[in-house]
Amino acid sequence: MGEIFVKPNVAEVDFGTAAEADFKAQSAAALADLVGAITTAGATGAVTSTDLAMAYVKQLVTNQLRSVFTMDFWSPQVEEIAVAAAAGTLTLPTVTVTDLPTGAVVVHARAYFLYRAIENVNAAANKLDGTTVAATSQVIQVANDTPGTYADAINFLDDQFGLAAYGREGGGLIIGNVDIASTVTGNDGYLFKWLLANADQDSINFNDVQTGLKIWYTLE
């Protein structure tokens, strides 16, 4: 007759809710001791063996957000802008800024004035009459279209754009030397004007004109 084996009466182990919660808490604490927690402060400087992994994850994310990115935006073209002998304010095409990412912080902005050609339509030599007077004359200004206050963006010199009688030359790009980040603050429309533009003769004509903005931004 063969042997009979009897299964011992083993008490069931309780893996219920309380035990599971305690296990999770202990695991989370052990993991935090190893790599850090979401509340761990970000590291600074070089990596050391005493800092937790989470500190360096935060450092990497912060440094990435602080990186400086750039985008350019351009207006539609206009066929001609004429600077006459009688000082007058010229309306330039509007630039619409779109697609800056959510959270973008503008740190620098510069204005552009682009033209395909420049010509003097007078029988006498011609050039600009007068240098820029800040916030007053012979200056390209930019404003937010909501509306906003115009700010100087591109300055000019007396006798700039010198042209012979009936002279015509190739175009160029004028880049403003004024940081207008306090005016260009994000996605919006931006108005351009040449305040009290003035030439020696009638007139200096700029052909196929565009205005533009170059924006430097971070995400922090």
Protein backbone atom coordinates (compact mmCIF):
# COMPACT_ATOMS: atom_id res chain seq x y z
CA MET A 1 0.00 0.00 0.00
CA GLY A 2 1.45 3.35 -1.06
CA GLU A 3 2.25 6.25 1.25
CA ILE A 4 -0.38 8.94 1.79
CA PHE A 5 0.78 12.56 1.84
CA VAL A 6 -1.30 15.09 3.71
CA LYS A 7 -1.05 18.79 2.69
CA PRO A 8 -0.11 20.84 5.74
CA ASN A 9 -2.47 23.59 6.81
CA VAL A 10 -0.52 26.72 5.80
CA ALA A 11 -1.98 30.04 6.87
CA GLU A 12 -2.71 32.43 4.02
CA VAL A 13 -0.44 35.49 3.72
CA ASP A 14 -2.36 38.79 3.68
CA PHE A 15 -1.42 40.92 0.68
CA GLY A 16 -4.42 43.15 1.19
CA THR A 17 -4.77 46.87 0.74
CA ALA A 18 -2.90 47.89 3.89
CA ALA A 19 0.08 45.65 3.18
CA GLU A 20 0.21 46.79 -0.46
CA ALA A 21 0.17 50.45 0.55
CA ASP A 22 2.97 49.86 3.06
CA PHE A 23 5.04 48.05 0.43
CA LYS A 24 4.57 50.90 -2.04
CA ALA A 25 5.54 53.49 0.55
CA GLN A 26 8.71 51.61 1.43
CA SER A 27 9.56 51.18 -2.26
CA ALA A 28 9.03 54.88 -2.98
CA ALA A 29 11.23 55.82 -0.05
CA ALA A 30 13.95 53.45 -1.19
CA LEU A 31 13.76 54.82 -4.74
CA ALA A 32 13.94 58.42 -3.47
CA ASP A 33 17.03 57.53 -1.46
CA LEU A 34 18.58 56.18 -4.64
CA VAL A 35 17.60 58.66 -7.39
CA GLY A 36 15.84 61.49 -5.56
CA ALA A 37 12.26 62.69 -5.49
CA ILE A 38 10.25 65.24 -7.45
CA THR A 39 10.97 67.73 -4.65
CA THR A 40 14.75 67.25 -4.92
CA ALA A 41 16.45 70.55 -5.74
CA GLY A 42 18.17 70.84 -9.13
CA ALA A 43 21.93 70.44 -9.22
CA THR A 44 24.31 73.22 -10.18
CA GLY A 45 27.77 72.99 -11.66
CA ALA A 46 29.62 69.75 -12.38
CA VAL A 47 28.30 66.26 -11.69
CA THR A 48 29.44 64.78 -8.37
CA SER A 49 28.96 61.38 -6.75
CA THR A 50 27.07 62.90 -3.83
CA ASP A 51 24.15 64.32 -5.86
CA LEU A 52 21.02 62.35 -6.68
CA ALA A 53 20.03 61.53 -10.25
CA MET A 54 16.86 63.64 -10.02
CA ALA A 55 18.99 66.71 -9.23
CA TYR A 56 20.72 66.33 -12.57
CA VAL A 57 17.49 65.63 -14.45
CA LYS A 58 16.19 68.96 -13.15
CA GLN A 59 19.46 70.68 -14.04
CA LEU A 60 19.26 69.40 -17.62
CA VAL A 61 15.63 70.51 -18.01
CA THR A 62 16.35 73.95 -16.56
CA ASN A 63 19.38 74.47 -18.82
CA GLN A 64 17.35 73.45 -21.85
CA LEU A 65 14.62 75.96 -21.01
CA ARG A 66 17.27 78.67 -20.62
CA SER A 67 18.67 78.04 -24.12
CA VAL A 68 18.18 81.00 -26.46
CA PHE A 69 16.25 80.33 -29.68
CA THR A 70 15.62 82.66 -32.64
CA MET A 71 12.83 83.16 -35.16
CA ASP A 72 12.43 85.64 -38.05
CA PHE A 73 9.12 87.14 -39.17
CA TRP A 74 8.45 89.17 -42.32
CA SER A 75 5.77 91.49 -43.63
CA PRO A 76 4.13 91.27 -47.04
CA GLN A 77 5.98 93.23 -49.73
CA VAL A 78 5.01 96.72 -50.85
CA GLU A 79 6.02 97.92 -54.31
CA GLU A 80 7.56 101.27 -53.38
CA ILE A 81 8.33 103.65 -50.51
CA ALA A 82 9.24 107.22 -51.53
CA VAL A 83 11.22 109.59 -49.26
CA ALA A 84 10.51 113.15 -50.37
CA ALA A 85 12.15 116.54 -49.81
CA ALA A 86 9.30 117.58 -47.54
CA ALA A 87 9.56 115.64 -44.29
CA GLY A 88 6.68 113.21 -43.89
CA THR A 89 5.82 110.08 -41.96
CA LEU A 90 5.64 106.93 -44.11
CA THR A 91 3.55 103.90 -43.24
CA LEU A 92 5.53 100.68 -43.66
CA PRO A 93 4.09 97.15 -43.87
CA THR A 94 3.00 95.38 -40.69
CA VAL A 95 4.78 92.29 -39.37
CA THR A 96 2.66 89.54 -37.80
CA VAL A 97 4.45 87.37 -35.24
CA THR A 98 3.01 83.86 -34.94
CA ASP A 99 4.17 80.45 -33.74
CA LEU A 100 6.28 81.55 -30.79
CA PRO A 101 5.77 78.60 -28.41
CA THR A 102 3.65 78.88 -25.29
CA GLY A 103 5.75 80.23 -22.44
CA ALA A 104 8.26 81.97 -24.73
CA VAL A 105 9.99 84.94 -23.10
CA VAL A 106 11.40 87.48 -25.58
CA VAL A 107 14.91 88.51 -24.49
CA HIS A 108 15.99 90.50 -27.59
CA ALA A 109 14.31 91.82 -30.73
CA ARG A 110 15.61 93.75 -33.74
CA ALA A 111 13.80 95.34 -36.68
CA TYR A 112 14.64 94.79 -40.38
CA PHE A 113 14.14 97.06 -43.41
CA LEU A 114 14.67 95.18 -46.67
CA TYR A 115 14.47 96.59 -50.21
CA ARG A 116 15.25 95.11 -53.65
CA ALA A 117 16.54 98.37 -55.20
CA ILE A 118 16.95 102.08 -54.44
CA GLU A 119 16.65 104.91 -56.96
CA ASN A 120 16.93 108.68 -57.16
CA VAL A 121 14.28 110.07 -59.52
CA ASN A 122 15.73 113.61 -59.46
CA ALA A 123 18.11 115.34 -61.90
CA ALA A 124 20.33 116.32 -58.93
CA ALA A 125 22.29 114.08 -56.59
CA ASN A 126 20.24 112.93 -53.65
CA LYS A 127 20.59 111.53 -50.12
CA LEU A 128 18.88 111.59 -46.73
CA ASP A 129 18.52 115.02 -45.17
CA GLY A 130 19.20 114.84 -41.44
CA THR A 131 20.26 112.22 -38.94
CA THR A 132 17.90 110.45 -36.56
CA VAL A 133 16.57 112.55 -33.71
CA ALA A 134 15.41 110.04 -31.08
CA ALA A 135 11.62 109.67 -30.93
CA THR A 136 11.30 112.72 -33.20
CA SER A 137 12.38 112.32 -36.82
CA GLN A 138 14.22 110.29 -39.48
CA VAL A 139 13.73 107.01 -37.62
CA ILE A 140 11.85 103.77 -38.24
CA GLN A 141 9.62 102.95 -35.30
CA VAL A 142 7.67 99.85 -34.22
CA ALA A 143 4.53 99.52 -32.10
CA ASN A 144 2.20 96.76 -30.96
CA ASP A 145 -1.06 96.95 -32.93
CA THR A 146 -3.33 96.58 -29.88
CA PRO A 147 -2.45 99.63 -29.97
CA GLY A 148 0.88 100.38 -28.34
CA THR A 149 3.43 103.17 -28.06
CA TYR A 150 5.89 103.53 -30.94
CA ALA A 151 9.54 102.82 -30.09
CA ASP A 152 12.62 103.75 -32.15
CA ALA A 153 13.97 100.69 -33.97
CA ILE A 154 16.21 101.75 -36.91
CA ASN A 155 18.31 104.91 -36.91
CA PHE A 156 19.70 106.76 -39.95
CA LEU A 157 22.58 109.12 -40.66
CA ASP A 158 22.59 112.48 -42.43
CA ASP A 159 23.65 111.97 -46.09
CA GLN A 160 22.94 108.22 -45.94
CA PHE A 161 21.87 106.51 -49.22
CA GLY A 162 23.85 108.93 -51.42
CA LEU A 163 22.80 108.59 -55.07
CA ALA A 164 23.88 110.27 -58.30
CA ALA A 165 21.36 112.08 -60.52
CA TYR A 166 18.80 109.52 -61.70
CA GLY A 167 20.93 106.91 -60.00
CA ARG A 168 19.72 103.41 -59.28
CA GLU A 169 21.45 100.79 -57.13
CA GLY A 170 20.82 97.29 -55.84
CA GLY A 171 18.98 96.83 -52.58
CA GLY A 172 20.07 95.80 -49.13
CA LEU A 173 19.02 94.91 -45.63
CA ILE A 174 19.12 97.48 -42.82
CA ILE A 175 19.22 95.91 -39.34
CA GLY A 176 18.16 98.02 -36.40
CA ASN A 177 20.72 98.65 -33.68
CA VAL A 178 18.05 99.16 -31.00
CA ASP A 179 16.79 96.30 -28.83
CA ILE A 180 12.98 96.53 -28.94
CA ALA A 181 12.18 93.54 -26.70
CA SER A 182 10.09 95.80 -24.45
CA THR A 183 7.80 96.45 -27.46
CA VAL A 184 7.94 93.08 -29.21
CA THR A 185 6.81 90.79 -26.40
CA GLY A 186 5.12 87.85 -28.11
CA ASN A 187 2.70 86.68 -30.79
CA ASP A 188 0.95 89.76 -32.18
CA GLY A 189 0.88 92.27 -35.02
CA TYR A 190 3.55 94.98 -35.07
CA LEU A 191 3.15 98.29 -36.89
CA PHE A 192 6.09 99.98 -38.64
CA LYS A 193 6.50 103.62 -39.69
CA TRP A 194 9.31 105.89 -40.88
CA LEU A 195 8.80 108.96 -38.72
CA LEU A 196 9.34 112.23 -40.64
CA ALA A 197 11.45 110.71 -43.40
CA ASN A 198 13.31 113.40 -45.36
CA ALA A 199 15.55 113.54 -48.45
CA ASP A 200 17.44 116.41 -50.10
CA GLN A 201 15.38 116.11 -53.31
CA ASP A 202 12.14 114.57 -54.53
CA SER A 203 12.66 111.68 -54.16
CA ILE A 204 14.53 108.59 -53.03
CA ASN A 205 12.46 105.53 -53.88
CA PHE A 206 12.90 102.15 -52.20
CA ASN A 207 11.51 99.31 -54.35
CA ASP A 208 9.90 96.03 -53.24
CA VAL A 209 10.10 96.75 -49.53
CA GLN A 210 9.60 94.39 -46.62
CA THR A 211 9.93 94.94 -42.90
CA GLY A 212 10.87 92.19 -40.49
CA LEU A 213 11.59 91.21 -36.91
CA LYS A 214 14.25 88.92 -35.51
CA ILE A 215 13.32 87.59 -32.07
CA TRP A 216 15.52 85.85 -29.52
CA TYR A 217 13.58 83.98 -26.82
CA THR A 218 13.87 81.43 -24.03
CA LEU A 219 11.27 79.11 -22.52
CA GLU A 220 11.86 80.06 -18.90
